[in-house]
N, C-alpha and C. Protein backbone atom coordinates (compact mmCIF):
# COMPACT_ATOMS: atom_id res chain seq x y z
N UNK A 1 25.79 -38.62 -3.91
CA UNK A 1 24.89 -38.09 -3.42
C UNK A 1 24.91 -36.63 -3.84
N UNK A 2 25.43 -35.93 -3.62
CA UNK A 2 25.54 -34.45 -3.84
C UNK A 2 25.61 -34.31 -5.32
N UNK A 3 26.28 -34.98 -5.86
CA UNK A 3 26.22 -34.83 -7.17
C UNK A 3 25.03 -34.91 -7.86
N UNK A 4 24.07 -36.14 -7.35
CA UNK A 4 22.80 -36.69 -8.04
C UNK A 4 21.96 -35.51 -7.57
N UNK A 5 22.03 -34.83 -6.64
CA UNK A 5 21.14 -33.70 -6.10
C UNK A 5 21.29 -32.32 -7.18
N UNK A 6 22.72 -32.30 -7.52
CA UNK A 6 22.87 -30.96 -8.30
C UNK A 6 22.25 -31.37 -9.40
N UNK A 7 22.56 -32.53 -9.87
CA UNK A 7 21.97 -33.12 -11.47
C UNK A 7 20.30 -32.82 -11.40
N UNK A 8 19.64 -33.40 -10.33
CA UNK A 8 18.12 -33.20 -10.26
C UNK A 8 17.68 -31.86 -10.28
N UNK A 9 18.64 -31.09 -9.71
CA UNK A 9 18.16 -29.94 -9.59
C UNK A 9 18.22 -29.16 -10.84
N UNK A 10 19.28 -29.21 -11.46
CA UNK A 10 19.62 -28.82 -13.17
C UNK A 10 18.60 -29.35 -13.95
N UNK A 11 18.04 -30.46 -13.74
CA UNK A 11 17.13 -31.06 -14.44
C UNK A 11 15.79 -30.14 -14.54
N UNK A 12 15.53 -30.15 -13.20
CA UNK A 12 14.23 -29.66 -12.90
C UNK A 12 14.22 -27.90 -13.29
N UNK A 13 15.11 -27.16 -13.36
CA UNK A 13 15.37 -25.91 -13.93
C UNK A 13 15.27 -25.74 -15.42
N UNK A 14 16.03 -27.04 -15.75
CA UNK A 14 15.93 -27.17 -17.49
C UNK A 14 14.40 -27.45 -18.02
N UNK A 15 13.73 -28.14 -17.20
CA UNK A 15 12.06 -28.77 -17.71
C UNK A 15 11.10 -27.29 -16.88
N UNK A 16 11.70 -26.69 -16.62
CA UNK A 16 10.84 -25.32 -16.10
C UNK A 16 11.18 -24.06 -17.42
N UNK A 17 12.49 -24.12 -17.92
CA UNK A 17 12.77 -23.49 -18.85
C UNK A 17 12.06 -23.92 -19.94
N UNK A 18 11.88 -25.18 -20.46
CA UNK A 18 11.31 -25.63 -21.34
C UNK A 18 9.74 -25.33 -21.21
N UNK A 19 9.26 -25.28 -20.14
CA UNK A 19 7.93 -25.04 -20.21
C UNK A 19 7.48 -23.37 -20.23
N UNK A 20 8.55 -22.81 -20.05
CA UNK A 20 8.52 -21.52 -20.36
C UNK A 20 8.72 -20.96 -21.70
N UNK A 21 9.50 -21.75 -22.58
CA UNK A 21 9.04 -21.19 -23.70
C UNK A 21 8.37 -22.13 -24.58
N UNK A 22 7.69 -23.13 -23.95
CA UNK A 22 6.54 -23.73 -24.84
C UNK A 22 5.25 -22.44 -24.57
N UNK A 23 5.03 -22.03 -23.03
CA UNK A 23 4.19 -21.35 -22.59
C UNK A 23 4.31 -19.86 -23.61
N UNK A 24 5.55 -19.27 -23.84
CA UNK A 24 5.40 -17.89 -24.50
C UNK A 24 5.30 -17.89 -25.83
N UNK A 25 5.22 -19.04 -26.52
CA UNK A 25 4.61 -19.43 -27.84
C UNK A 25 3.53 -19.55 -28.16
N UNK A 26 2.39 -19.78 -26.82
CA UNK A 26 0.95 -19.79 -26.95
C UNK A 26 0.19 -18.49 -27.34
N UNK A 27 -0.31 -18.36 -28.31
CA UNK A 27 -0.92 -17.51 -28.89
C UNK A 27 -1.85 -16.63 -28.17
N UNK A 28 -3.10 -17.58 -26.93
CA UNK A 28 -3.41 -17.11 -26.15
C UNK A 28 -3.18 -16.25 -24.89
N UNK A 29 -1.53 -16.49 -24.71
CA UNK A 29 -0.97 -15.81 -23.61
C UNK A 29 -1.13 -14.31 -23.72
N UNK A 30 -0.70 -14.05 -24.94
CA UNK A 30 -0.75 -12.54 -25.37
C UNK A 30 -2.04 -11.77 -25.43
N UNK A 31 -3.26 -12.71 -25.92
CA UNK A 31 -4.35 -11.96 -25.76
C UNK A 31 -4.99 -12.11 -24.24
N UNK A 32 -4.30 -12.87 -23.30
CA UNK A 32 -4.97 -13.11 -22.15
C UNK A 32 -3.97 -11.78 -21.28
N UNK A 33 -2.78 -11.36 -21.65
CA UNK A 33 -1.95 -10.64 -20.82
C UNK A 33 -2.24 -9.11 -21.19
N UNK A 34 -2.32 -8.91 -22.76
CA UNK A 34 -2.97 -7.55 -23.26
C UNK A 34 -4.31 -7.08 -22.33
N UNK A 35 -5.74 -8.07 -22.61
CA UNK A 35 -6.52 -7.78 -21.64
C UNK A 35 -6.36 -7.47 -20.56
N UNK A 36 -5.84 -8.19 -19.62
CA UNK A 36 -5.40 -8.05 -18.25
C UNK A 36 -4.68 -6.69 -17.93
N UNK A 37 -3.75 -6.09 -18.82
CA UNK A 37 -3.07 -5.08 -18.81
C UNK A 37 -3.73 -3.89 -18.93
N UNK A 38 -4.60 -4.18 -19.82
CA UNK A 38 -5.75 -2.98 -20.22
C UNK A 38 -6.61 -2.61 -19.11
N UNK A 39 -7.13 -4.11 -18.46
CA UNK A 39 -8.13 -3.55 -17.39
C UNK A 39 -7.34 -3.07 -16.30
N UNK A 40 -6.11 -3.56 -15.70
CA UNK A 40 -5.58 -3.11 -14.54
C UNK A 40 -5.43 -1.64 -14.76
N UNK A 41 -4.95 -1.00 -16.08
CA UNK A 41 -4.91 0.53 -16.51
C UNK A 41 -6.09 1.11 -16.24
N UNK A 42 -7.26 0.55 -16.58
CA UNK A 42 -8.57 1.05 -16.59
C UNK A 42 -9.11 1.37 -14.99
N UNK A 43 -8.36 0.47 -14.35
CA UNK A 43 -8.65 0.19 -12.54
C UNK A 43 -7.49 1.16 -12.12
N UNK A 44 -6.84 1.32 -12.36
CA UNK A 44 -5.62 2.45 -11.88
C UNK A 44 -5.77 3.88 -12.34
N UNK A 45 -6.14 3.96 -13.26
CA UNK A 45 -6.77 5.24 -13.79
C UNK A 45 -7.85 6.05 -13.10
N UNK A 46 -8.72 4.95 -12.71
CA UNK A 46 -10.00 5.27 -12.22
C UNK A 46 -9.97 5.60 -10.39
N UNK A 47 -8.66 5.29 -10.11
CA UNK A 47 -8.10 5.41 -8.60
C UNK A 47 -8.49 3.66 -7.55
N UNK A 48 -8.79 3.05 -8.20
CA UNK A 48 -9.76 2.05 -7.82
C UNK A 48 -8.43 0.87 -7.55
N UNK A 49 -8.68 -0.13 -6.69
CA UNK A 49 -7.61 -1.27 -6.60
C UNK A 49 -7.65 -2.33 -7.57
N UNK A 50 -6.47 -2.95 -7.88
CA UNK A 50 -6.45 -4.14 -8.39
C UNK A 50 -6.69 -5.23 -7.49
N UNK A 51 -7.26 -6.26 -7.31
CA UNK A 51 -7.73 -6.90 -5.99
C UNK A 51 -7.02 -8.14 -6.81
N UNK A 52 -6.03 -8.95 -5.82
CA UNK A 52 -5.51 -10.08 -6.14
C UNK A 52 -5.93 -11.03 -4.81
N UNK A 53 -6.17 -12.55 -5.24
CA UNK A 53 -6.33 -13.49 -4.61
C UNK A 53 -5.78 -15.03 -4.92
N UNK A 54 -5.32 -16.00 -4.02
CA UNK A 54 -4.81 -17.24 -4.19
C UNK A 54 -5.29 -17.90 -2.66
N UNK A 55 -4.55 -18.76 -2.72
CA UNK A 55 -4.44 -20.07 -1.70
C UNK A 55 -3.37 -20.59 -1.51
N UNK A 56 -2.57 -20.41 -0.64
CA UNK A 56 -1.15 -21.38 -0.12
C UNK A 56 -0.21 -20.61 -0.78
N UNK A 57 0.57 -21.23 -1.93
CA UNK A 57 1.70 -20.55 -2.75
C UNK A 57 1.05 -19.93 -3.76
N UNK A 58 -0.07 -20.14 -4.06
CA UNK A 58 -0.77 -18.90 -4.97
C UNK A 58 -0.97 -18.04 -4.26
N UNK A 59 -1.44 -17.72 -3.15
CA UNK A 59 -1.53 -16.76 -2.19
C UNK A 59 -0.25 -15.79 -2.06
N UNK A 60 0.76 -16.70 -2.07
CA UNK A 60 2.25 -15.78 -1.97
C UNK A 60 2.48 -15.45 -3.17
N UNK A 61 2.13 -16.02 -4.19
CA UNK A 61 2.29 -15.44 -5.65
C UNK A 61 1.36 -13.92 -5.66
N UNK A 62 0.18 -14.09 -5.13
CA UNK A 62 -0.74 -12.97 -5.19
C UNK A 62 -0.11 -11.90 -4.31
N UNK A 63 0.27 -12.37 -3.08
CA UNK A 63 0.72 -11.23 -2.31
C UNK A 63 1.96 -10.25 -2.80
N UNK A 64 3.03 -11.57 -3.59
CA UNK A 64 4.07 -10.87 -4.36
C UNK A 64 3.74 -10.04 -5.37
N UNK A 65 2.89 -10.33 -6.23
CA UNK A 65 2.18 -9.35 -7.41
C UNK A 65 1.99 -8.27 -6.72
N UNK A 66 1.06 -8.10 -5.83
CA UNK A 66 0.80 -6.78 -4.95
C UNK A 66 1.70 -5.98 -4.47
N UNK A 67 2.80 -6.68 -4.02
CA UNK A 67 3.89 -5.83 -3.60
C UNK A 67 4.89 -5.10 -4.72
N UNK A 68 4.44 -5.71 -5.84
CA UNK A 68 5.49 -5.14 -7.46
C UNK A 68 4.43 -4.40 -7.35
N UNK A 69 3.05 -3.99 -7.32
CA UNK A 69 2.12 -2.69 -7.36
C UNK A 69 2.60 -1.65 -6.39
N UNK A 70 2.56 -2.00 -5.24
CA UNK A 70 2.42 -0.94 -4.01
C UNK A 70 4.15 -0.30 -3.76
N UNK A 71 4.86 -1.30 -4.43
CA UNK A 71 6.44 -1.02 -4.09
C UNK A 71 6.95 -0.69 -5.47
N UNK A 72 7.47 -1.33 -6.09
CA UNK A 72 8.22 -1.20 -7.71
C UNK A 72 8.31 -2.72 -8.27
N UNK A 73 8.51 -2.85 -9.52
CA UNK A 73 9.16 -3.70 -10.14
C UNK A 73 10.51 -3.61 -10.43
N UNK A 74 10.69 -2.47 -11.28
CA UNK A 74 12.29 -2.37 -11.83
C UNK A 74 12.31 -0.68 -11.69
N UNK A 75 11.42 -0.20 -11.87
CA UNK A 75 11.67 1.29 -12.31
C UNK A 75 10.83 2.25 -11.26
N UNK A 76 11.69 3.48 -10.76
CA UNK A 76 11.03 4.12 -9.70
C UNK A 76 9.48 4.67 -10.19
N UNK A 77 8.81 4.58 -9.68
CA UNK A 77 7.57 5.30 -9.80
C UNK A 77 6.41 5.12 -8.66
N UNK A 78 5.35 6.03 -8.71
CA UNK A 78 4.32 6.10 -7.36
C UNK A 78 3.70 4.73 -7.16
N UNK A 79 3.47 4.17 -6.01
CA UNK A 79 2.73 3.07 -5.65
C UNK A 79 1.37 3.13 -6.39
N UNK A 80 1.09 1.68 -6.83
CA UNK A 80 -0.30 1.68 -7.71
C UNK A 80 -1.02 1.10 -6.55
N UNK A 81 -2.16 1.20 -6.70
CA UNK A 81 -3.54 0.79 -5.88
C UNK A 81 -3.71 -1.11 -5.95
N UNK A 82 -3.38 -1.21 -5.05
CA UNK A 82 -3.60 -3.19 -5.18
C UNK A 82 -3.69 -3.65 -3.74
N UNK A 83 -4.67 -4.74 -3.61
CA UNK A 83 -5.10 -5.37 -2.25
C UNK A 83 -4.88 -6.89 -2.54
N UNK A 84 -4.16 -7.70 -1.70
CA UNK A 84 -4.52 -8.67 -1.86
C UNK A 84 -5.35 -9.26 -0.84
N UNK A 85 -6.49 -10.22 -1.24
CA UNK A 85 -7.55 -10.32 -0.63
C UNK A 85 -7.13 -11.52 0.52
N UNK A 86 -7.66 -11.47 1.50
CA UNK A 86 -7.25 -12.62 2.67
C UNK A 86 -6.20 -12.13 3.56
N UNK A 87 -5.62 -10.62 3.27
CA UNK A 87 -4.68 -10.69 4.12
C UNK A 87 -4.92 -10.56 5.79
N UNK A 88 -5.89 -9.69 5.80
CA UNK A 88 -6.24 -9.31 7.17
C UNK A 88 -6.78 -10.56 8.06
N UNK A 89 -5.92 -10.95 8.97
CA UNK A 89 -6.27 -12.29 9.38
C UNK A 89 -7.26 -12.20 10.44
N UNK A 90 -7.65 -10.97 10.95
CA UNK A 90 -8.93 -11.01 11.93
C UNK A 90 -10.14 -10.85 10.90
N UNK A 91 -10.33 -10.12 9.79
CA UNK A 91 -11.34 -10.29 8.92
C UNK A 91 -11.52 -11.84 8.40
N UNK A 92 -10.29 -12.78 7.92
CA UNK A 92 -10.45 -13.71 7.81
C UNK A 92 -10.91 -14.90 8.56
N UNK A 93 -10.61 -14.79 9.86
CA UNK A 93 -11.42 -15.55 10.98
C UNK A 93 -12.43 -15.66 11.25
N UNK A 94 -12.86 -14.03 11.22
CA UNK A 94 -14.28 -13.81 11.65
C UNK A 94 -14.93 -14.34 10.60
N UNK A 95 -14.75 -14.10 9.12
CA UNK A 95 -15.62 -14.57 8.23
C UNK A 95 -15.52 -16.02 8.11
N UNK A 96 -14.50 -16.29 8.46
CA UNK A 96 -14.43 -18.11 8.36
C UNK A 96 -15.11 -18.75 9.36
N UNK A 97 -15.25 -17.78 10.38
CA UNK A 97 -15.82 -18.49 11.62
C UNK A 97 -17.51 -18.26 11.78
N UNK A 98 -18.01 -17.18 11.24
CA UNK A 98 -19.37 -16.47 11.18
C UNK A 98 -20.16 -17.05 9.99
N UNK A 99 -19.26 -17.48 8.80
CA UNK A 99 -19.79 -17.76 7.60
C UNK A 99 -19.16 -19.12 7.25
N UNK A 100 -18.16 -18.59 6.57
CA UNK A 100 -17.59 -20.26 6.13
C UNK A 100 -16.19 -20.10 5.53
N UNK A 101 -15.47 -20.94 5.44
CA UNK A 101 -13.77 -20.38 4.75
C UNK A 101 -14.37 -20.15 3.15
N UNK A 102 -15.05 -21.13 2.38
CA UNK A 102 -15.53 -20.50 1.03
C UNK A 102 -15.83 -19.37 1.03
N UNK A 103 -16.52 -18.55 1.68
CA UNK A 103 -17.05 -17.17 1.53
C UNK A 103 -16.24 -15.91 2.11
N UNK A 104 -14.56 -16.36 2.71
CA UNK A 104 -14.19 -15.55 2.95
C UNK A 104 -13.75 -14.59 1.83
N UNK A 105 -12.84 -14.65 1.13
CA UNK A 105 -12.48 -13.94 0.19
C UNK A 105 -13.51 -13.25 -0.75
N UNK A 106 -15.10 -14.16 -0.96
CA UNK A 106 -15.97 -13.32 -1.71
C UNK A 106 -16.41 -11.97 -0.85
N UNK A 107 -16.29 -12.20 0.79
CA UNK A 107 -17.09 -11.51 1.44
C UNK A 107 -16.65 -10.15 1.38
N UNK A 108 -14.97 -10.36 1.50
CA UNK A 108 -14.24 -9.25 1.46
C UNK A 108 -13.98 -8.53 0.22
N UNK A 109 -14.14 -9.43 -1.03
CA UNK A 109 -14.25 -8.94 -2.38
C UNK A 109 -15.64 -7.64 -2.46
N UNK A 110 -16.55 -8.00 -1.55
CA UNK A 110 -17.89 -7.41 -2.15
C UNK A 110 -17.73 -6.03 -1.38
N UNK A 111 -16.84 -5.68 -0.49
CA UNK A 111 -16.65 -4.26 -0.04
C UNK A 111 -15.98 -3.43 -0.77
N UNK A 112 -15.37 -3.93 -1.88
CA UNK A 112 -14.46 -3.37 -3.32
C UNK A 112 -15.63 -3.23 -4.36
N UNK A 113 -16.36 -4.26 -4.49
CA UNK A 113 -16.81 -4.45 -5.73
C UNK A 113 -17.99 -3.43 -6.36
N UNK A 114 -17.88 -2.34 -5.72
CA UNK A 114 -18.86 -1.24 -6.18
C UNK A 114 -17.71 -0.08 -7.12
N UNK A 115 -16.66 -0.27 -6.77
CA UNK A 115 -15.53 0.50 -7.21
C UNK A 115 -15.32 -0.21 -8.70
N UNK A 116 -14.55 0.61 -9.50
CA UNK A 116 -13.63 0.22 -10.83
C UNK A 116 -12.81 -0.83 -10.74
N UNK A 117 -13.00 -2.28 -9.86
CA UNK A 117 -11.95 -2.96 -9.73
C UNK A 117 -11.55 -3.75 -10.91
N UNK A 118 -10.44 -4.49 -10.60
CA UNK A 118 -9.77 -5.48 -11.49
C UNK A 118 -9.65 -6.47 -10.69
N UNK A 119 -10.22 -8.08 -10.76
CA UNK A 119 -9.94 -9.11 -9.96
C UNK A 119 -9.00 -10.37 -10.64
N UNK A 120 -7.56 -10.27 -9.93
CA UNK A 120 -6.86 -11.20 -10.46
C UNK A 120 -6.31 -12.48 -9.85
N UNK A 121 -6.70 -13.87 -10.13
CA UNK A 121 -6.79 -14.75 -9.30
C UNK A 121 -5.62 -15.40 -9.90
N UNK A 122 -5.08 -16.51 -8.79
CA UNK A 122 -3.78 -17.18 -8.83
C UNK A 122 -4.17 -18.66 -8.33
N UNK A 123 -4.22 -19.67 -9.19
CA UNK A 123 -4.47 -21.11 -8.71
C UNK A 123 -4.14 -22.17 -9.50
N UNK A 124 -3.20 -23.00 -9.07
CA UNK A 124 -2.56 -24.27 -9.74
C UNK A 124 -3.92 -25.04 -10.20
N UNK A 125 -5.10 -25.21 -9.62
CA UNK A 125 -5.92 -26.02 -10.15
C UNK A 125 -7.21 -25.68 -10.55
N UNK A 126 -7.36 -24.41 -10.04
CA UNK A 126 -8.50 -23.83 -10.34
C UNK A 126 -10.13 -24.39 -9.73
N UNK A 127 -9.53 -25.34 -8.65
CA UNK A 127 -10.45 -26.30 -8.26
C UNK A 127 -11.20 -25.52 -6.62
N UNK A 128 -10.14 -24.64 -6.27
CA UNK A 128 -10.58 -24.29 -4.80
C UNK A 128 -11.91 -23.79 -4.70
N UNK A 129 -12.64 -24.18 -3.93
CA UNK A 129 -14.25 -23.67 -3.76
C UNK A 129 -14.46 -22.21 -3.42
N UNK A 130 -13.52 -21.69 -2.87
CA UNK A 130 -13.60 -20.28 -2.14
C UNK A 130 -13.21 -19.23 -3.43
N UNK A 131 -12.34 -19.89 -4.57
CA UNK A 131 -11.59 -18.89 -5.55
C UNK A 131 -12.93 -19.43 -6.34
N UNK A 132 -13.50 -20.16 -6.83
CA UNK A 132 -14.61 -20.73 -7.73
C UNK A 132 -15.93 -19.70 -7.39
N UNK A 133 -15.94 -19.26 -5.97
CA UNK A 133 -17.07 -18.68 -5.67
C UNK A 133 -16.89 -17.25 -5.81
N UNK A 134 -15.36 -16.84 -5.48
CA UNK A 134 -15.10 -15.42 -5.93
C UNK A 134 -15.39 -15.19 -7.17
N UNK A 135 -14.82 -16.01 -7.92
CA UNK A 135 -14.91 -15.90 -9.42
C UNK A 135 -16.43 -15.67 -9.93
N UNK A 136 -17.13 -16.66 -9.46
CA UNK A 136 -18.35 -16.64 -9.92
C UNK A 136 -19.33 -15.12 -9.29
N UNK A 137 -18.90 -14.83 -8.29
CA UNK A 137 -19.65 -13.46 -7.76
C UNK A 137 -19.28 -12.29 -8.46
N UNK A 138 -17.63 -12.15 -8.81
CA UNK A 138 -17.51 -11.50 -9.71
C UNK A 138 -17.84 -11.44 -11.03
N UNK A 139 -18.14 -12.31 -11.31
CA UNK A 139 -18.76 -12.46 -12.89
C UNK A 139 -19.99 -11.63 -12.74
N UNK A 140 -21.02 -12.29 -11.73
CA UNK A 140 -22.14 -11.74 -11.41
C UNK A 140 -22.18 -10.42 -11.55
N UNK A 141 -21.09 -9.85 -10.70
CA UNK A 141 -21.29 -8.25 -10.81
C UNK A 141 -20.71 -7.57 -11.91
N UNK A 142 -20.35 -8.25 -12.96
CA UNK A 142 -19.67 -7.80 -14.09
C UNK A 142 -18.62 -7.41 -14.05
N UNK A 143 -17.69 -7.64 -13.39
CA UNK A 143 -16.43 -7.27 -12.66
C UNK A 143 -15.29 -7.89 -13.61
N UNK A 144 -14.29 -7.20 -14.34
CA UNK A 144 -13.69 -7.55 -15.15
C UNK A 144 -12.49 -8.80 -14.19
N UNK A 145 -12.25 -10.07 -14.33
CA UNK A 145 -11.82 -11.16 -13.80
C UNK A 145 -10.86 -12.13 -14.64
N UNK A 146 -9.74 -12.18 -13.96
CA UNK A 146 -8.66 -12.92 -14.91
C UNK A 146 -7.99 -13.84 -13.72
N UNK A 147 -7.61 -15.08 -14.40
CA UNK A 147 -7.16 -16.01 -13.59
C UNK A 147 -6.04 -16.43 -14.35
N UNK A 148 -4.52 -16.89 -13.73
CA UNK A 148 -3.82 -17.93 -14.15
C UNK A 148 -3.75 -19.00 -13.33
N UNK A 149 -3.77 -20.07 -14.30
CA UNK A 149 -4.41 -21.47 -13.77
C UNK A 149 -3.39 -22.31 -13.93
N UNK A 150 -3.43 -23.76 -13.73
CA UNK A 150 -2.78 -24.56 -14.22
C UNK A 150 -3.67 -25.88 -14.59
N UNK A 151 -3.04 -27.06 -14.45
CA UNK A 151 -3.69 -28.18 -14.97
C UNK A 151 -4.86 -28.08 -16.14
N UNK A 152 -5.96 -28.34 -15.51
CA UNK A 152 -6.89 -28.39 -16.80
C UNK A 152 -7.78 -26.94 -16.54
N UNK A 153 -7.27 -26.08 -15.20
CA UNK A 153 -7.92 -24.93 -15.31
C UNK A 153 -9.01 -24.83 -14.39
N UNK A 154 -9.75 -26.34 -14.16
CA UNK A 154 -10.57 -26.41 -13.01
C UNK A 154 -11.65 -25.67 -13.26
N UNK A 155 -12.84 -25.59 -12.32
CA UNK A 155 -14.14 -24.57 -12.28
C UNK A 155 -13.82 -23.00 -12.53
N UNK A 156 -12.68 -22.73 -11.78
CA UNK A 156 -12.35 -21.06 -12.39
C UNK A 156 -12.38 -21.26 -13.80
N UNK A 157 -11.67 -21.81 -14.52
CA UNK A 157 -11.53 -21.66 -15.99
C UNK A 157 -12.89 -21.23 -16.84
N UNK A 158 -13.82 -21.94 -16.19
CA UNK A 158 -15.40 -21.68 -16.85
C UNK A 158 -15.75 -20.22 -16.38
N UNK A 159 -15.38 -19.38 -15.66
CA UNK A 159 -15.88 -18.70 -14.63
C UNK A 159 -15.49 -17.24 -15.19
N UNK A 160 -14.38 -17.31 -15.61
CA UNK A 160 -13.71 -15.92 -15.76
C UNK A 160 -12.52 -16.08 -17.00
N UNK A 161 -12.10 -14.70 -17.97
CA UNK A 161 -10.87 -15.21 -18.70
C UNK A 161 -9.86 -15.98 -17.82
N UNK A 162 -9.18 -16.55 -18.76
CA UNK A 162 -8.00 -17.42 -17.78
C UNK A 162 -7.01 -17.77 -19.12
N UNK A 163 -6.14 -17.89 -18.09
CA UNK A 163 -4.63 -18.57 -18.86
C UNK A 163 -4.08 -19.85 -18.19
N UNK A 164 -4.15 -20.95 -18.85
CA UNK A 164 -3.94 -22.07 -18.19
C UNK A 164 -2.39 -22.76 -18.54
N UNK A 165 -1.61 -22.72 -17.83
CA UNK A 165 -0.28 -23.22 -17.88
C UNK A 165 -0.59 -24.80 -17.79
N UNK A 166 -0.14 -25.22 -19.38
CA UNK A 166 -0.01 -26.91 -19.46
C UNK A 166 0.79 -27.74 -18.74
N UNK A 167 0.53 -27.74 -17.66
CA UNK A 167 1.44 -28.57 -16.77
C UNK A 167 0.50 -29.33 -15.55
N UNK A 168 1.17 -30.49 -14.88
CA UNK A 168 0.46 -30.96 -13.87
C UNK A 168 1.24 -30.76 -12.87
N UNK A 169 2.59 -29.86 -12.79
CA UNK A 169 3.48 -29.70 -11.57
C UNK A 169 2.84 -28.46 -10.85
N UNK A 170 2.66 -28.37 -9.67
CA UNK A 170 2.37 -27.43 -9.20
C UNK A 170 3.51 -26.63 -8.96
N UNK A 171 4.77 -26.46 -8.58
CA UNK A 171 5.66 -25.99 -8.75
C UNK A 171 6.22 -25.33 -9.86
N UNK A 172 6.00 -25.92 -10.96
CA UNK A 172 6.24 -25.36 -12.28
C UNK A 172 5.35 -24.46 -12.96
N UNK A 173 4.16 -24.75 -12.41
CA UNK A 173 2.88 -23.71 -12.55
C UNK A 173 3.23 -22.29 -11.79
N UNK A 174 3.48 -22.42 -10.56
CA UNK A 174 3.87 -21.24 -9.90
C UNK A 174 4.77 -20.70 -10.29
N UNK A 175 5.89 -20.99 -10.73
CA UNK A 175 7.11 -20.42 -11.40
C UNK A 175 6.33 -19.83 -12.70
N UNK A 176 6.09 -20.32 -13.38
CA UNK A 176 5.81 -19.74 -14.78
C UNK A 176 4.44 -18.55 -14.18
N UNK A 177 3.71 -19.20 -13.44
CA UNK A 177 2.59 -17.84 -13.05
C UNK A 177 3.38 -16.45 -12.65
N UNK A 178 4.63 -16.60 -11.83
CA UNK A 178 5.22 -15.48 -11.43
C UNK A 178 6.02 -15.06 -12.73
N UNK A 179 6.47 -15.65 -13.64
CA UNK A 179 7.09 -14.99 -14.66
C UNK A 179 6.14 -14.40 -15.47
N UNK A 180 5.15 -14.87 -15.79
CA UNK A 180 3.77 -13.96 -16.10
C UNK A 180 3.30 -12.74 -15.34
N UNK A 181 3.33 -12.84 -14.09
CA UNK A 181 2.59 -11.79 -12.97
C UNK A 181 4.14 -10.56 -13.40
N UNK A 182 5.26 -10.97 -13.42
CA UNK A 182 6.50 -10.15 -13.55
C UNK A 182 6.09 -9.10 -15.40
N UNK A 183 6.07 -10.14 -15.82
CA UNK A 183 5.83 -9.64 -17.46
C UNK A 183 4.36 -8.57 -17.55
N UNK A 184 3.47 -8.82 -16.79
CA UNK A 184 2.35 -8.01 -16.59
C UNK A 184 2.77 -6.86 -15.87
N UNK A 185 3.45 -6.87 -14.78
CA UNK A 185 3.71 -5.71 -13.91
C UNK A 185 4.33 -4.80 -14.98
N UNK A 186 5.33 -5.42 -15.60
CA UNK A 186 6.46 -4.56 -16.63
C UNK A 186 5.81 -3.75 -17.57
N UNK A 187 4.69 -4.69 -18.22
CA UNK A 187 3.99 -3.85 -19.20
C UNK A 187 2.98 -2.86 -18.55
N UNK A 188 2.33 -3.07 -17.52
CA UNK A 188 2.08 -1.81 -16.84
C UNK A 188 2.67 -0.73 -16.63
N UNK A 189 3.95 -0.91 -16.18
CA UNK A 189 4.95 0.33 -15.81
C UNK A 189 5.31 1.18 -16.90
N UNK A 190 5.41 0.34 -18.17
CA UNK A 190 5.72 0.69 -19.67
C UNK A 190 4.84 1.72 -19.82
N UNK A 191 3.27 1.03 -20.10
CA UNK A 191 2.16 1.50 -20.46
C UNK A 191 2.25 3.03 -19.55
N UNK A 192 2.49 2.96 -18.32
CA UNK A 192 2.34 4.13 -17.26
C UNK A 192 3.34 5.22 -17.86
N UNK A 193 4.58 4.94 -18.12
CA UNK A 193 5.51 5.70 -18.38
C UNK A 193 5.32 6.50 -19.59
N UNK A 194 4.65 5.76 -20.70
CA UNK A 194 3.83 6.53 -21.97
C UNK A 194 3.20 7.73 -21.64
N UNK A 195 2.26 7.05 -20.86
CA UNK A 195 1.08 8.15 -20.70
C UNK A 195 1.54 9.76 -20.01
N UNK A 196 2.78 9.11 -18.70
CA UNK A 196 3.00 10.26 -18.18
C UNK A 196 3.65 11.55 -18.67
């Protein structure tokens, strides 16, 4: 039994490695990450925050990414302005109660949309109504909006610049999303160190 479980975990890791290799060879990944890095650098240089959003496990990925900005990834540097939308439980419950759950992230986003922000969305399906509404609002306001997605990209893929991990596995998609997020954070750090 234990042998079988070890083999299963090993097979899962090998499958994720194969997916990571496949994703790293996709030409549109480089275009997407270059555009995202450029937009984040413009936002940082303006003193505005990078806004990051997701639901469930993708919310955890969004919060993890913000921690890389406000803390550090690998190299010592000043903290970078970044906010995960939906982190204030009081605001989230008030907006959800007074308006709707679908409106929660969008209403919070509107408070920052007058700034030179970049919006970065994480979603394994791209179908969450609150994230699609957020992407639509950001697009209507002309704000640079990027999404790391999975499966077929859902509604979010139609509303913003996106990269879709070609998988139906939620866990595999999330693992690849974080690999990409770390690569983006690393690239931002390197570009900032060149400017300094």
